Amino acid sequence: MRLFGLGASISPSWSTDREVDRVAEVASVVARSGASVFLVGDKPGRSPDVRSNAVLLGWLSGHLVGVPRVGSLFLVRQTPIESLLATARTLGDLLRGTGSTPVIGVMRGRQGSAVPMPGPHVDEAVAALRGDPAIREMELWVGAEQGTAIDRAGRLADVWLANGYFDDQALSDQLRRFRAASPDAGTAVRRDFVCHPDSSTAHATARRMLADGYRGGRFDESVLIAGAPAECIERMASVAELGFDDVLVRPADDGQEAVEQFHMLFEEWA
């Protein structure tokens, strides 16, 4: 029996007309693997040819049959509340009768971002989602990484989404704080990964990406899961053993190799 759920998170930069076959292929392999959740990330300031998360999930709904939870993540301070509610309603309509639970995840936008902040605060977003009678069924994920924000997630969330850019000790400390606020809610953590048939190649790639300032930051080597497929699954299991119900994974590189990496990882999981 599996002791944790493995889920997939994809970048909305894939949601263009020319990428539809690629993302559908990923959705299909994730669904066949027995994954626990499939989420589309948020991308403020998207280019005009990038479709909304609701449109992308509409494209993919036929490929995600059997995935228990399907949904979208939002940086709420960079998302007008009308867009957030519209996506939640559309997602509910798309998934009605499929057996999949709609998921809406809300996280604070990056402080100091140059992107305009037209959207609500997390508390306001949660209140609007919970209060909309058109949103009948939804699993609400709240992302948080600091003390009082973790306490807030404990009050508001069905599932707390931890930031994967912390090392295991920091995640363990955050998890203890969350459990003090909410003993029964679900927990998930997102980790980026580099998967390759040759373990040494995967590790070398991960070290290079970190040295180059991965996603604009300086992170501990442990935050990128790297290795051959079985090695990556083993490392994900060790992260789950900190106390997380689900490990949500995203390829460190959104390029063409991301499809192959998803294939390797989720075929190993299956």
Protein backbone atom coordinates (compact mmCIF):
# COMPACT_ATOMS: atom_id res chain seq x y z
CA MET A 1 0.00 0.00 0.00
CA ARG A 2 1.33 3.44 -0.91
CA LEU A 3 1.99 5.66 2.07
CA PHE A 4 1.73 8.96 0.22
CA GLY A 5 0.15 10.44 -2.88
CA LEU A 6 2.19 11.65 -5.85
CA GLY A 7 0.78 14.53 -7.82
CA ALA A 8 1.80 16.60 -10.84
CA SER A 9 2.01 20.36 -11.27
CA ILE A 10 2.47 21.85 -14.73
CA SER A 11 3.32 25.35 -15.84
CA PRO A 12 0.61 27.38 -17.62
CA SER A 13 3.30 28.39 -20.10
CA TRP A 14 2.38 25.08 -21.76
CA SER A 15 -1.20 26.20 -22.38
CA THR A 16 -0.78 27.47 -25.93
CA ASP A 17 -2.28 26.09 -29.12
CA ARG A 18 1.08 24.65 -30.20
CA GLU A 19 1.60 22.91 -26.85
CA VAL A 20 -1.77 21.17 -26.52
CA ASP A 21 -0.51 17.75 -27.69
CA ARG A 22 2.46 17.91 -25.34
CA VAL A 23 0.43 18.76 -22.25
CA ALA A 24 -2.25 16.20 -23.13
CA GLU A 25 0.45 13.54 -23.29
CA VAL A 26 1.63 14.49 -19.81
CA ALA A 27 -1.92 14.45 -18.45
CA SER A 28 -2.49 10.97 -19.86
CA VAL A 29 0.66 9.44 -18.39
CA VAL A 30 -0.07 11.06 -15.01
CA ALA A 31 -3.63 9.68 -15.02
CA ARG A 32 -2.48 6.15 -15.95
CA SER A 33 0.04 6.12 -13.12
CA GLY A 34 -2.47 6.37 -10.29
CA ALA A 35 -1.42 9.91 -9.36
CA SER A 36 -3.34 11.56 -6.53
CA VAL A 37 -3.68 15.07 -7.95
CA PHE A 38 -3.06 17.14 -11.11
CA LEU A 39 -2.75 20.92 -10.78
CA VAL A 40 -2.04 23.73 -13.22
CA GLY A 41 0.13 26.51 -11.80
CA ASP A 42 -0.48 30.21 -12.13
CA LYS A 43 1.48 32.63 -14.30
CA PRO A 44 0.79 36.34 -13.81
CA GLY A 45 1.49 38.57 -16.80
CA ARG A 46 0.97 35.68 -19.20
CA SER A 47 1.45 36.35 -22.90
CA PRO A 48 -1.67 36.69 -25.08
CA ASP A 49 -1.30 33.22 -26.61
CA VAL A 50 -1.34 31.51 -23.21
CA ARG A 51 -4.82 30.33 -22.35
CA SER A 52 -6.46 30.60 -18.95
CA ASN A 53 -6.21 27.74 -16.49
CA ALA A 54 -9.92 27.00 -16.97
CA VAL A 55 -9.48 26.64 -20.74
CA LEU A 56 -6.41 24.43 -20.30
CA LEU A 57 -8.22 22.16 -17.84
CA GLY A 58 -11.12 21.97 -20.29
CA TRP A 59 -8.71 20.73 -22.94
CA LEU A 60 -7.32 18.15 -20.56
CA SER A 61 -10.44 16.89 -18.80
CA GLY A 62 -10.78 13.87 -21.09
CA HIS A 63 -7.19 12.87 -20.38
CA LEU A 64 -7.50 13.12 -16.59
CA VAL A 65 -10.21 10.51 -16.01
CA GLY A 66 -9.46 8.64 -12.81
CA VAL A 67 -7.32 11.33 -11.17
CA PRO A 68 -8.95 11.89 -7.75
CA ARG A 69 -8.27 15.65 -7.59
CA VAL A 70 -7.85 18.12 -10.44
CA GLY A 71 -7.47 21.86 -10.23
CA SER A 72 -5.54 25.09 -10.37
CA LEU A 73 -3.15 27.11 -8.22
CA PHE A 74 -3.35 30.91 -8.01
CA LEU A 75 -1.13 33.69 -6.74
CA VAL A 76 -4.14 35.52 -5.38
CA ARG A 77 -2.61 38.98 -4.99
CA GLN A 78 -1.95 38.91 -8.74
CA THR A 79 -5.36 37.50 -9.72
CA PRO A 80 -8.61 39.52 -9.80
CA ILE A 81 -11.17 37.83 -7.61
CA GLU A 82 -13.60 37.56 -10.52
CA SER A 83 -11.08 35.40 -12.40
CA LEU A 84 -10.55 33.21 -9.34
CA LEU A 85 -14.28 32.62 -8.86
CA ALA A 86 -14.89 32.07 -12.59
CA THR A 87 -12.19 29.39 -12.71
CA ALA A 88 -13.60 27.65 -9.64
CA ARG A 89 -17.11 27.58 -11.14
CA THR A 90 -15.87 26.37 -14.52
CA LEU A 91 -13.76 23.68 -12.89
CA GLY A 92 -16.77 22.43 -10.95
CA ASP A 93 -18.80 22.23 -14.16
CA LEU A 94 -16.01 20.41 -16.02
CA LEU A 95 -15.55 17.79 -13.32
CA ARG A 96 -19.18 17.20 -12.36
CA GLY A 97 -19.94 13.50 -12.67
CA THR A 98 -16.33 12.50 -13.38
CA GLY A 99 -15.46 11.37 -9.86
CA SER A 100 -12.66 13.96 -9.59
CA THR A 101 -12.76 16.57 -6.82
CA PRO A 102 -12.10 20.17 -7.94
CA VAL A 103 -9.10 21.80 -6.26
CA ILE A 104 -8.44 25.52 -5.98
CA GLY A 105 -5.12 26.50 -4.42
CA VAL A 106 -4.45 30.05 -3.26
CA MET A 107 -1.05 31.51 -2.39
CA ARG A 108 0.20 35.00 -1.74
CA GLY A 109 2.03 36.66 -4.64
CA ARG A 110 5.71 37.43 -4.26
CA GLN A 111 6.48 40.47 -2.19
CA GLY A 112 8.31 43.14 -4.13
CA SER A 113 7.00 41.83 -7.44
CA ALA A 114 6.84 44.34 -10.29
CA VAL A 115 3.57 42.69 -11.43
CA PRO A 116 0.47 44.74 -10.49
CA MET A 117 -1.49 43.41 -7.49
CA PRO A 118 -5.21 43.69 -8.43
CA GLY A 119 -6.29 40.66 -6.44
CA PRO A 120 -7.51 39.99 -2.90
CA HIS A 121 -5.59 38.90 0.16
CA VAL A 122 -5.68 35.17 0.96
CA ASP A 123 -8.35 35.59 3.64
CA GLU A 124 -10.58 37.52 1.25
CA ALA A 125 -10.09 34.97 -1.52
CA VAL A 126 -10.98 32.08 0.77
CA ALA A 127 -14.09 33.88 2.06
CA ALA A 128 -15.24 34.57 -1.52
CA LEU A 129 -14.69 30.95 -2.60
CA ARG A 130 -16.40 29.52 0.47
CA GLY A 131 -19.29 31.96 0.13
CA ASP A 132 -20.11 31.46 -3.56
CA PRO A 133 -23.22 29.22 -3.77
CA ALA A 134 -22.29 28.22 -7.34
CA ILE A 135 -19.13 26.49 -6.05
CA ARG A 136 -20.73 23.40 -4.56
CA GLU A 137 -17.80 21.06 -4.08
CA MET A 138 -14.20 22.12 -3.79
CA GLU A 139 -11.03 21.15 -1.96
CA LEU A 140 -9.30 24.36 -0.93
CA TRP A 141 -5.50 24.39 -0.73
CA VAL A 142 -3.73 27.30 0.95
CA GLY A 143 -0.03 27.90 0.43
CA ALA A 144 1.98 29.33 3.35
CA GLU A 145 5.58 29.32 4.49
CA GLN A 146 5.90 31.75 7.43
CA GLY A 147 4.68 31.45 11.00
CA THR A 148 1.47 33.49 11.06
CA ALA A 149 0.64 32.52 7.47
CA ILE A 150 0.91 28.85 8.44
CA ASP A 151 -1.43 29.50 11.38
CA ARG A 152 -3.88 31.13 8.95
CA ALA A 153 -3.68 28.13 6.61
CA GLY A 154 -4.53 25.95 9.59
CA ARG A 155 -7.75 27.91 10.07
CA LEU A 156 -8.73 28.14 6.41
CA ALA A 157 -7.42 25.21 4.40
CA ASP A 158 -8.62 21.74 3.56
CA VAL A 159 -5.01 21.13 2.53
CA TRP A 160 -1.89 23.15 3.40
CA LEU A 161 0.58 23.45 0.50
CA ALA A 162 4.14 23.87 1.76
CA ASN A 163 6.79 25.69 -0.25
CA GLY A 164 9.28 23.17 -1.58
CA TYR A 165 12.18 25.64 -1.59
CA PHE A 166 12.96 24.84 2.06
CA ASP A 167 15.19 22.01 3.24
CA ASP A 168 13.77 19.03 5.12
CA GLN A 169 14.45 20.43 8.59
CA ALA A 170 12.65 23.69 7.83
CA LEU A 171 9.71 21.80 6.31
CA SER A 172 9.52 19.57 9.37
CA ASP A 173 9.43 22.64 11.65
CA GLN A 174 6.70 24.24 9.52
CA LEU A 175 4.69 21.02 9.55
CA ARG A 176 4.77 20.87 13.35
CA ARG A 177 3.45 24.42 13.49
CA PHE A 178 0.69 23.64 11.01
CA ARG A 179 -0.37 20.54 12.93
CA ALA A 180 -0.64 22.62 16.10
CA ALA A 181 -3.10 24.87 14.27
CA SER A 182 -4.95 22.10 12.40
CA PRO A 183 -4.53 18.48 13.50
CA ASP A 184 -6.80 17.02 10.82
CA ALA A 185 -6.34 18.99 7.58
CA GLY A 186 -4.43 17.52 4.65
CA THR A 187 -0.83 18.43 3.87
CA ALA A 188 1.11 18.64 0.61
CA VAL A 189 4.50 19.91 -0.50
CA ARG A 190 5.69 20.80 -3.98
CA ARG A 191 9.17 19.73 -5.05
CA ASP A 192 10.83 20.39 -8.40
CA PHE A 193 12.68 17.50 -9.97
CA VAL A 194 15.30 16.55 -12.55
CA CYS A 195 14.91 12.97 -13.79
CA HIS A 196 17.24 11.19 -16.20
CA PRO A 197 18.04 7.51 -16.89
CA ASP A 198 21.60 8.26 -15.79
CA SER A 199 21.66 9.41 -12.16
CA SER A 200 24.95 11.29 -12.46
CA THR A 201 23.61 13.31 -15.40
CA ALA A 202 20.50 14.28 -13.41
CA HIS A 203 22.55 15.37 -10.40
CA ALA A 204 24.99 17.36 -12.53
CA THR A 205 22.08 19.12 -14.23
CA ALA A 206 20.49 19.96 -10.88
CA ARG A 207 23.77 21.32 -9.47
CA ARG A 208 24.24 23.52 -12.53
CA MET A 209 20.70 24.90 -12.30
CA LEU A 210 21.15 25.73 -8.61
CA ALA A 211 24.54 27.35 -9.21
CA ASP A 212 22.99 29.52 -11.92
CA GLY A 213 20.41 30.86 -9.46
CA TYR A 214 17.47 28.52 -9.86
CA ARG A 215 14.22 30.49 -10.31
CA GLY A 216 16.00 33.63 -9.19
CA GLY A 217 17.08 32.32 -5.79
CA ARG A 218 19.87 30.60 -3.90
CA PHE A 219 18.65 27.28 -2.59
CA ASP A 220 20.03 24.29 -0.74
CA GLU A 221 20.86 21.33 -2.99
CA SER A 222 18.16 19.24 -1.29
CA VAL A 223 15.30 21.34 -2.70
CA LEU A 224 15.74 19.84 -6.18
CA ILE A 225 14.98 16.14 -6.35
CA ALA A 226 17.40 14.61 -8.86
CA GLY A 227 18.35 11.18 -10.09
CA ALA A 228 17.20 8.18 -12.07
CA PRO A 229 13.42 7.47 -11.83
CA ALA A 230 13.57 5.01 -8.92
CA GLU A 231 15.95 7.30 -7.05
CA CYS A 232 13.59 10.26 -7.49
CA ILE A 233 10.64 8.24 -6.15
CA GLU A 234 12.72 7.17 -3.15
CA ARG A 235 13.63 10.78 -2.41
CA MET A 236 9.99 11.85 -2.74
CA ALA A 237 9.05 9.13 -0.26
CA SER A 238 11.59 10.51 2.22
CA VAL A 239 10.02 13.98 1.89
CA ALA A 240 6.57 12.48 2.47
CA GLU A 241 7.88 10.72 5.60
CA LEU A 242 8.30 14.14 7.21
CA GLY A 243 4.50 13.96 7.53
CA PHE A 244 3.07 15.07 4.17
CA ASP A 245 0.09 13.33 2.59
CA ASP A 246 1.00 14.33 -0.96
CA VAL A 247 4.16 15.30 -2.81
CA LEU A 248 3.38 17.50 -5.79
CA VAL A 249 6.14 17.45 -8.39
CA ARG A 250 7.06 19.84 -11.17
CA PRO A 251 9.92 19.50 -13.67
CA ALA A 252 12.71 21.96 -12.97
CA ASP A 253 12.97 22.69 -16.69
CA ASP A 254 9.76 23.48 -18.59
CA GLY A 255 11.40 22.69 -21.93
CA GLN A 256 10.75 19.75 -24.22
CA GLU A 257 12.62 17.37 -21.92
CA ALA A 258 9.96 17.96 -19.25
CA VAL A 259 7.59 15.60 -21.09
CA GLU A 260 10.16 12.81 -21.08
CA GLN A 261 10.90 13.46 -17.40
CA PHE A 262 7.22 13.22 -16.51
CA HIS A 263 7.03 9.96 -18.47
CA MET A 264 10.00 8.43 -16.67
CA LEU A 265 8.88 9.49 -13.22
CA PHE A 266 5.20 8.52 -13.41
CA GLU A 267 5.84 5.27 -15.27
CA GLU A 268 8.17 4.34 -12.40
CA TRP A 269 5.45 5.35 -9.93
CA ALA A 270 2.85 3.22 -11.74
